[in-house]
């Protein structure tokens, strides 16, 4: 098992089997993205959402349609 971990650290994917069936896969974790890359992805997503968002009622007024002018449920 110790050799398998070393092989995975070197970039190999290791598959452990039991009775000829694959049971466990050990594989290297990819490199972490840096903060600049993560920020760029978040900015892209936020920019695309801004274009799709529509102005609707604010939270304070979002339930107004449930009540009549007398303040009672409709």
N, C-alpha and C. Protein backbone atom coordinates (compact mmCIF):
# COMPACT_ATOMS: atom_id res chain seq x y z
N UNK A 1 0.82 -1.19 0.00
CA UNK A 1 0.00 0.00 0.00
C UNK A 1 0.87 1.25 0.00
N UNK A 2 1.98 1.23 0.71
CA UNK A 2 2.85 2.38 0.77
C UNK A 2 3.38 2.73 -0.62
N UNK A 3 3.69 1.71 -1.41
CA UNK A 3 4.14 1.96 -2.78
C UNK A 3 3.04 2.55 -3.64
N UNK A 4 1.79 2.16 -3.39
CA UNK A 4 0.67 2.70 -4.16
C UNK A 4 0.51 4.18 -3.92
N UNK A 5 0.66 4.62 -2.68
CA UNK A 5 0.55 6.04 -2.37
C UNK A 5 1.67 6.81 -3.06
N UNK A 6 2.86 6.26 -3.03
CA UNK A 6 3.99 6.92 -3.70
C UNK A 6 3.74 7.01 -5.20
N UNK A 7 3.17 5.96 -5.79
CA UNK A 7 2.85 5.99 -7.22
C UNK A 7 1.80 7.06 -7.52
N UNK A 8 0.80 7.18 -6.65
CA UNK A 8 -0.23 8.20 -6.85
C UNK A 8 0.37 9.59 -6.72
N UNK A 9 1.28 9.76 -5.76
CA UNK A 9 1.96 11.05 -5.62
C UNK A 9 2.75 11.40 -6.88
N UNK A 10 3.23 10.38 -7.56
CA UNK A 10 3.99 10.59 -8.80
C UNK A 10 3.09 10.85 -10.00
N UNK A 11 1.77 10.76 -9.80
CA UNK A 11 0.85 11.08 -10.89
C UNK A 11 0.06 9.91 -11.43
N UNK A 12 0.29 8.72 -10.92
CA UNK A 12 -0.43 7.54 -11.42
C UNK A 12 -1.76 7.36 -10.70
N UNK A 13 -2.73 6.77 -11.38
CA UNK A 13 -3.99 6.37 -10.77
C UNK A 13 -3.87 4.90 -10.42
N UNK A 14 -4.15 4.56 -9.16
CA UNK A 14 -4.04 3.19 -8.67
C UNK A 14 -5.45 2.68 -8.38
N UNK A 15 -5.79 1.49 -8.86
CA UNK A 15 -7.09 0.88 -8.59
C UNK A 15 -6.86 -0.40 -7.80
N UNK A 16 -7.45 -0.45 -6.61
CA UNK A 16 -7.34 -1.65 -5.78
C UNK A 16 -8.58 -2.51 -6.04
N UNK A 17 -8.36 -3.82 -6.13
CA UNK A 17 -9.46 -4.73 -6.44
C UNK A 17 -9.64 -5.75 -5.32
N UNK A 18 -10.83 -6.31 -5.28
CA UNK A 18 -11.12 -7.41 -4.37
C UNK A 18 -11.93 -8.42 -5.16
N UNK A 19 -11.45 -9.63 -5.22
CA UNK A 19 -12.09 -10.69 -6.01
C UNK A 19 -12.26 -10.26 -7.47
N UNK A 20 -11.29 -9.52 -7.99
CA UNK A 20 -11.32 -9.12 -9.39
C UNK A 20 -12.20 -7.91 -9.69
N UNK A 21 -12.86 -7.35 -8.67
CA UNK A 21 -13.71 -6.17 -8.88
C UNK A 21 -13.02 -4.94 -8.33
N UNK A 22 -13.05 -3.84 -9.06
CA UNK A 22 -12.45 -2.61 -8.54
C UNK A 22 -13.21 -2.13 -7.30
N UNK A 23 -12.46 -1.80 -6.25
CA UNK A 23 -13.06 -1.38 -4.99
C UNK A 23 -12.67 0.06 -4.66
N UNK A 24 -11.40 0.40 -4.83
CA UNK A 24 -10.90 1.71 -4.43
C UNK A 24 -10.01 2.27 -5.53
N UNK A 25 -10.14 3.57 -5.76
CA UNK A 25 -9.25 4.23 -6.71
C UNK A 25 -8.45 5.28 -5.93
N UNK A 26 -7.15 5.23 -6.06
CA UNK A 26 -6.26 6.23 -5.46
C UNK A 26 -5.67 7.01 -6.62
N UNK A 27 -5.90 8.33 -6.60
CA UNK A 27 -5.37 9.14 -7.68
C UNK A 27 -4.87 10.46 -7.13
N UNK A 28 -3.95 11.07 -7.84
CA UNK A 28 -3.40 12.33 -7.37
C UNK A 28 -4.46 13.44 -7.43
N UNK A 29 -4.36 14.35 -6.50
CA UNK A 29 -5.24 15.51 -6.51
C UNK A 29 -4.58 16.55 -7.40
N UNK A 30 -5.39 17.17 -8.26
CA UNK A 30 -4.86 18.18 -9.17
C UNK A 30 -4.34 19.40 -8.41
N UNK A 31 -3.62 20.23 -9.09
CA UNK A 31 -3.07 21.42 -8.43
C UNK A 31 -4.18 22.38 -8.01
N UNK A 32 -3.98 23.04 -6.90
CA UNK A 32 -4.95 24.04 -6.43
C UNK A 32 -4.84 25.27 -7.30
N UNK A 33 -5.98 25.86 -7.58
CA UNK A 33 -5.94 27.10 -8.33
C UNK A 33 -5.56 28.22 -7.38
N UNK A 34 -4.89 29.21 -7.91
CA UNK A 34 -4.47 30.32 -7.06
C UNK A 34 -5.63 31.30 -6.86
N UNK A 35 -5.46 32.22 -5.95
CA UNK A 35 -6.53 33.15 -5.60
C UNK A 35 -6.92 34.01 -6.80
N UNK A 36 -5.99 34.38 -7.62
CA UNK A 36 -6.28 35.22 -8.79
C UNK A 36 -7.20 34.48 -9.77
N UNK A 37 -6.93 33.19 -9.99
CA UNK A 37 -7.76 32.39 -10.89
C UNK A 37 -9.17 32.23 -10.33
N UNK A 38 -9.28 31.93 -9.04
CA UNK A 38 -10.60 31.79 -8.41
C UNK A 38 -11.38 33.09 -8.50
N UNK A 39 -10.72 34.21 -8.26
CA UNK A 39 -11.39 35.51 -8.32
C UNK A 39 -11.88 35.79 -9.73
N UNK A 40 -11.08 35.44 -10.74
CA UNK A 40 -11.49 35.66 -12.13
C UNK A 40 -12.73 34.84 -12.47
N UNK A 41 -12.78 33.60 -12.02
CA UNK A 41 -13.95 32.75 -12.27
C UNK A 41 -15.18 33.33 -11.58
N UNK A 42 -15.04 33.74 -10.33
CA UNK A 42 -16.17 34.35 -9.61
C UNK A 42 -16.65 35.61 -10.30
N UNK A 43 -15.74 36.44 -10.76
CA UNK A 43 -16.12 37.67 -11.47
C UNK A 43 -16.89 37.35 -12.75
N UNK A 44 -16.45 36.33 -13.48
CA UNK A 44 -17.16 35.92 -14.70
C UNK A 44 -18.59 35.48 -14.39
N UNK A 45 -18.73 34.67 -13.35
CA UNK A 45 -20.06 34.18 -12.98
C UNK A 45 -20.94 35.33 -12.52
N UNK A 46 -20.40 36.21 -11.68
CA UNK A 46 -21.19 37.35 -11.21
C UNK A 46 -21.60 38.25 -12.37
N UNK A 47 -20.71 38.44 -13.33
CA UNK A 47 -21.04 39.26 -14.48
C UNK A 47 -22.15 38.66 -15.32
N UNK A 48 -22.13 37.35 -15.50
CA UNK A 48 -23.17 36.71 -16.30
C UNK A 48 -24.51 36.74 -15.58
N UNK A 49 -24.50 36.66 -14.26
CA UNK A 49 -25.74 36.71 -13.49
C UNK A 49 -26.34 38.11 -13.52
N UNK A 50 -25.49 39.13 -13.45
CA UNK A 50 -26.00 40.50 -13.48
C UNK A 50 -26.83 40.76 -14.73
N UNK A 51 -26.41 40.21 -15.85
CA UNK A 51 -27.14 40.42 -17.09
C UNK A 51 -28.48 39.70 -17.12
N UNK A 52 -28.64 38.65 -16.33
CA UNK A 52 -29.86 37.86 -16.34
C UNK A 52 -30.85 38.28 -15.25
N UNK A 53 -30.36 38.95 -14.23
CA UNK A 53 -31.23 39.30 -13.10
C UNK A 53 -32.23 40.36 -13.52
N UNK A 54 -33.45 40.21 -13.05
CA UNK A 54 -34.48 41.21 -13.32
C UNK A 54 -34.92 41.83 -12.00
N UNK A 55 -35.31 43.08 -12.07
CA UNK A 55 -35.79 43.76 -10.87
C UNK A 55 -37.18 43.26 -10.54
N UNK A 56 -37.34 42.77 -9.37
CA UNK A 56 -38.63 42.31 -8.89
C UNK A 56 -38.93 43.02 -7.59
N UNK A 57 -39.92 42.56 -6.89
CA UNK A 57 -40.22 43.20 -5.61
C UNK A 57 -39.09 42.97 -4.61
N UNK A 58 -38.86 43.96 -3.76
CA UNK A 58 -37.84 43.75 -2.74
C UNK A 58 -38.42 42.84 -1.66
N UNK A 59 -37.59 42.43 -0.74
CA UNK A 59 -38.02 41.46 0.27
C UNK A 59 -39.16 41.99 1.12
N UNK A 60 -39.16 43.29 1.39
CA UNK A 60 -40.21 43.86 2.24
C UNK A 60 -41.57 43.82 1.55
N UNK A 61 -41.60 43.82 0.23
CA UNK A 61 -42.86 43.87 -0.52
C UNK A 61 -43.17 42.56 -1.24
N UNK A 62 -42.37 41.54 -1.07
CA UNK A 62 -42.52 40.32 -1.85
C UNK A 62 -43.79 39.53 -1.54
N UNK A 63 -44.41 39.75 -0.40
CA UNK A 63 -45.60 39.00 -0.01
C UNK A 63 -46.89 39.82 -0.14
N UNK A 64 -46.80 41.02 -0.67
CA UNK A 64 -47.97 41.91 -0.74
C UNK A 64 -49.14 41.30 -1.51
N UNK A 65 -48.87 40.49 -2.51
CA UNK A 65 -49.96 39.92 -3.32
C UNK A 65 -50.85 38.98 -2.52
N UNK A 66 -50.40 38.57 -1.34
CA UNK A 66 -51.19 37.65 -0.52
C UNK A 66 -52.27 38.36 0.29
N UNK A 67 -52.20 39.70 0.36
CA UNK A 67 -53.11 40.44 1.22
C UNK A 67 -53.85 41.51 0.44
N UNK A 68 -55.08 41.76 0.82
CA UNK A 68 -55.89 42.80 0.20
C UNK A 68 -55.56 44.16 0.79
N UNK A 69 -56.27 45.19 0.31
CA UNK A 69 -56.02 46.55 0.78
C UNK A 69 -56.41 46.73 2.24
N UNK A 70 -57.24 45.83 2.75
CA UNK A 70 -57.63 45.91 4.16
C UNK A 70 -56.63 45.21 5.08
N UNK A 71 -55.58 44.61 4.50
CA UNK A 71 -54.56 43.93 5.29
C UNK A 71 -54.88 42.50 5.63
N UNK A 72 -56.02 42.00 5.16
CA UNK A 72 -56.41 40.62 5.43
C UNK A 72 -56.02 39.73 4.26
N UNK A 73 -55.81 38.45 4.51
CA UNK A 73 -55.47 37.53 3.42
C UNK A 73 -56.58 37.50 2.37
N UNK A 74 -56.19 37.39 1.11
CA UNK A 74 -57.17 37.34 0.02
C UNK A 74 -57.55 35.92 -0.28
